[in-house]
Amino acid sequence: QVQLVESGGGLVQAGGSLRLSCVVSGRASSDYVTAWFRQAPGKERAFVGAISLNGRPSYVDSVKGRFTISRDNAKNTVYLQMNSLKPEDTAVYYCAADRVRFRIGIRSRPEEYDPWGQGTQVTVSS
């Protein structure tokens, strides 16, 4: 059974940093694109970024230069380092694995991803 478990969320002041972790069990994380999404209250789930099979990350414009996605294959874990956080980054953050093994490229639609983690809350105070 494949599981993704996020951790690392919390409350931080604007300008601060957090690192989220997504531990994958049941299969190799490096065989699938792993993405991060976020969902703010009253809004749809939105793509934040993802890391490709060859370890190259891609980001939505609003987080470029502030967020970094990386992967540790030995730990089967994908990370989301978030720096210079803003109140508008407040959301529940989810990691998710691509439905297709060994897919080339990165997709940004939530429908392309399954399974998902349970989510972790990130709150940025002003």
Foldseek 3Di string as FASTA:
>chain_A
DKAWAKDWADEEAQQAKIKMKIAIPDDFQLQWKKFKWWDDPPGDIWTAWIAHSVGDIDGDPVQPPFWDWGADRVRSMIMIIGGRDDQVVWTWMKMFTAPDTNDPDDDTDPVRTDDMYPTDTHGYHD
